[in-house]
């Protein structure tokens, strides 16, 4: 029964996400697909996953223990802080922090997690800035002025 409740919640969230994506306005200078395609795809995939959970639930689902829920909660907090720190601190510093912390949660080795964070932030910056042409700032703007 808990699987079906979870599936229903995900279905409602997916539909709300789809409805909010319909409100996005197409900017004057936009790519051919516009800003709505990605939210439509994500909400559609989430809705299909929710429907499959509702119609074929596990007989006895194994929900995570409290310690795992705590770690998941910490990951959510890290990602929310990452979103808020991205604009004032640039791309590289918040990405180093977030990916290092999340890597440490997966395998608690501080040095390797930090190296992973540095590597991931630099590689992602190069891909996003030069490969995809996004207007990212590497570091905070106050360092450049």
Protein backbone atom coordinates (compact mmCIF):
# COMPACT_ATOMS: atom_id res chain seq x y z
CA UNK A 1 0.00 0.00 0.00
CA UNK A 2 2.84 2.41 0.80
CA UNK A 3 4.19 1.97 -2.75
CA UNK A 4 0.87 3.08 -4.22
CA UNK A 5 0.73 6.14 -1.96
CA UNK A 6 4.28 7.04 -2.98
CA UNK A 7 3.40 6.52 -6.66
CA UNK A 8 0.34 8.72 -6.29
CA UNK A 9 2.40 11.49 -4.70
CA UNK A 10 4.98 11.31 -7.50
CA UNK A 11 2.21 11.37 -10.13
CA UNK A 12 0.68 14.50 -8.59
CA UNK A 13 4.10 16.21 -8.39
CA UNK A 14 4.84 15.25 -12.02
CA UNK A 15 1.52 16.70 -13.18
CA UNK A 16 2.13 19.88 -11.19
CA UNK A 17 5.60 20.17 -12.72
CA UNK A 18 4.11 19.70 -16.19
CA UNK A 19 1.46 22.35 -15.49
CA UNK A 20 4.08 24.81 -14.26
CA UNK A 21 6.18 24.15 -17.37
CA UNK A 22 3.27 25.21 -19.57
CA UNK A 23 3.57 28.68 -18.03
CA UNK A 24 7.13 29.18 -19.29
CA UNK A 25 7.38 31.90 -21.90
CA UNK A 26 9.47 31.45 -24.99
CA UNK A 27 12.22 34.08 -25.03
CA UNK A 28 12.86 36.12 -28.13
CA UNK A 29 16.25 34.53 -28.77
CA UNK A 30 15.67 30.87 -28.00
CA UNK A 31 16.72 27.58 -29.47
CA UNK A 32 14.22 25.81 -31.75
CA UNK A 33 12.80 23.50 -29.07
CA UNK A 34 12.30 26.27 -26.51
CA UNK A 35 12.46 26.10 -22.72
CA UNK A 36 9.48 23.75 -22.27
CA UNK A 37 10.84 20.53 -23.77
CA UNK A 38 13.11 19.48 -20.90
CA UNK A 39 10.48 19.98 -18.15
CA UNK A 40 7.94 18.14 -20.32
CA UNK A 41 10.31 15.18 -20.72
CA UNK A 42 11.16 15.04 -17.00
CA UNK A 43 7.53 15.29 -15.90
CA UNK A 44 6.47 12.69 -18.47
CA UNK A 45 9.15 10.23 -17.33
CA UNK A 46 8.26 10.82 -13.67
CA UNK A 47 4.56 10.32 -14.40
CA UNK A 48 5.21 7.05 -16.26
CA UNK A 49 7.39 5.82 -13.40
CA UNK A 50 4.67 6.76 -10.90
CA UNK A 51 2.01 4.91 -12.89
CA UNK A 52 4.19 1.80 -13.02
CA UNK A 53 4.68 1.98 -9.24
CA UNK A 54 0.93 2.36 -8.70
CA UNK A 55 -0.03 -0.57 -10.94
CA UNK A 56 2.74 -2.98 -9.95
CA UNK A 57 3.80 -2.33 -6.35
CA UNK A 58 6.17 -4.56 -4.41
CA UNK A 59 4.51 -7.12 -2.19
CA UNK A 60 6.59 -6.05 0.80
CA UNK A 61 8.63 -2.92 0.03
CA UNK A 62 11.88 -2.38 1.91
CA UNK A 63 11.97 1.27 2.92
CA UNK A 64 15.32 2.76 3.94
CA UNK A 65 16.30 2.96 7.59
CA UNK A 66 16.49 6.21 9.52
CA UNK A 67 20.25 6.57 8.97
CA UNK A 68 19.79 6.36 5.21
CA UNK A 69 16.94 8.86 5.35
CA UNK A 70 19.22 11.19 7.30
CA UNK A 71 21.92 10.87 4.64
CA UNK A 72 19.37 11.53 1.92
CA UNK A 73 18.15 14.58 3.82
CA UNK A 74 21.71 15.86 4.08
CA UNK A 75 22.14 15.40 0.33
CA UNK A 76 18.97 17.41 -0.31
CA UNK A 77 20.22 20.20 1.97
CA UNK A 78 23.59 20.20 0.17
CA UNK A 79 21.87 20.49 -3.23
CA UNK A 80 19.60 23.31 -2.03
CA UNK A 81 22.59 25.20 -0.66
CA UNK A 82 24.39 24.53 -3.96
CA UNK A 83 21.55 26.16 -5.86
CA UNK A 84 21.64 29.23 -3.62
CA UNK A 85 25.45 29.56 -3.69
CA UNK A 86 25.85 29.11 -7.43
CA UNK A 87 25.13 32.72 -8.38
CA UNK A 88 27.08 34.59 -5.69
CA UNK A 89 30.11 32.26 -5.64
CA UNK A 90 30.35 31.27 -9.30
CA UNK A 91 30.27 27.73 -10.63
CA UNK A 92 33.51 26.13 -9.51
CA UNK A 93 33.53 26.74 -5.72
CA UNK A 94 29.97 25.56 -4.97
CA UNK A 95 30.42 22.60 -7.31
CA UNK A 96 33.62 21.59 -5.51
CA UNK A 97 31.83 21.77 -2.16
CA UNK A 98 28.69 19.95 -3.23
CA UNK A 99 30.36 17.19 -5.21
CA UNK A 100 32.98 16.64 -2.49
CA UNK A 101 30.31 16.29 0.19
CA UNK A 102 28.16 13.98 -1.93
CA UNK A 103 31.19 11.93 -2.93
CA UNK A 104 32.15 11.64 0.74
CA UNK A 105 28.67 10.35 1.54
CA UNK A 106 29.09 7.61 -1.05
CA UNK A 107 32.56 6.57 0.09
CA UNK A 108 33.97 8.33 3.17
CA UNK A 109 37.50 9.12 2.04
CA UNK A 110 38.17 12.83 2.48
CA UNK A 111 41.14 13.29 0.13
CA UNK A 112 39.63 11.27 -2.72
CA UNK A 113 36.30 13.03 -2.27
CA UNK A 114 37.97 16.43 -2.49
CA UNK A 115 39.93 15.41 -5.59
CA UNK A 116 36.68 14.14 -7.11
CA UNK A 117 35.02 17.47 -6.32
CA UNK A 118 37.81 19.51 -7.90
CA UNK A 119 37.97 17.30 -11.00
CA UNK A 120 34.23 17.20 -11.48
CA UNK A 121 33.81 20.95 -11.10
CA UNK A 122 36.52 21.79 -13.61
CA UNK A 123 35.36 19.20 -16.17
CA UNK A 124 31.72 20.26 -15.86
CA UNK A 125 32.67 23.93 -16.14
CA UNK A 126 34.58 23.29 -19.36
CA UNK A 127 31.71 21.24 -20.80
CA UNK A 128 29.00 23.73 -19.83
CA UNK A 129 30.95 26.91 -20.67
CA UNK A 130 32.75 25.94 -23.85
CA UNK A 131 30.94 22.84 -25.07
CA UNK A 132 27.38 24.04 -24.50
CA UNK A 133 28.06 27.77 -24.54
CA UNK A 134 26.39 28.57 -21.22
CA UNK A 135 27.17 31.92 -19.63
CA UNK A 136 28.73 30.65 -16.41
CA UNK A 137 31.13 32.49 -14.15
CA UNK A 138 33.95 30.33 -12.86
CA UNK A 139 34.50 32.31 -9.68
CA UNK A 140 32.67 35.07 -7.79
CA UNK A 141 32.32 38.34 -9.66
CA UNK A 142 33.93 40.32 -6.84
CA UNK A 143 37.23 38.52 -7.53
CA UNK A 144 37.25 39.84 -11.11
CA UNK A 145 36.49 43.48 -10.37
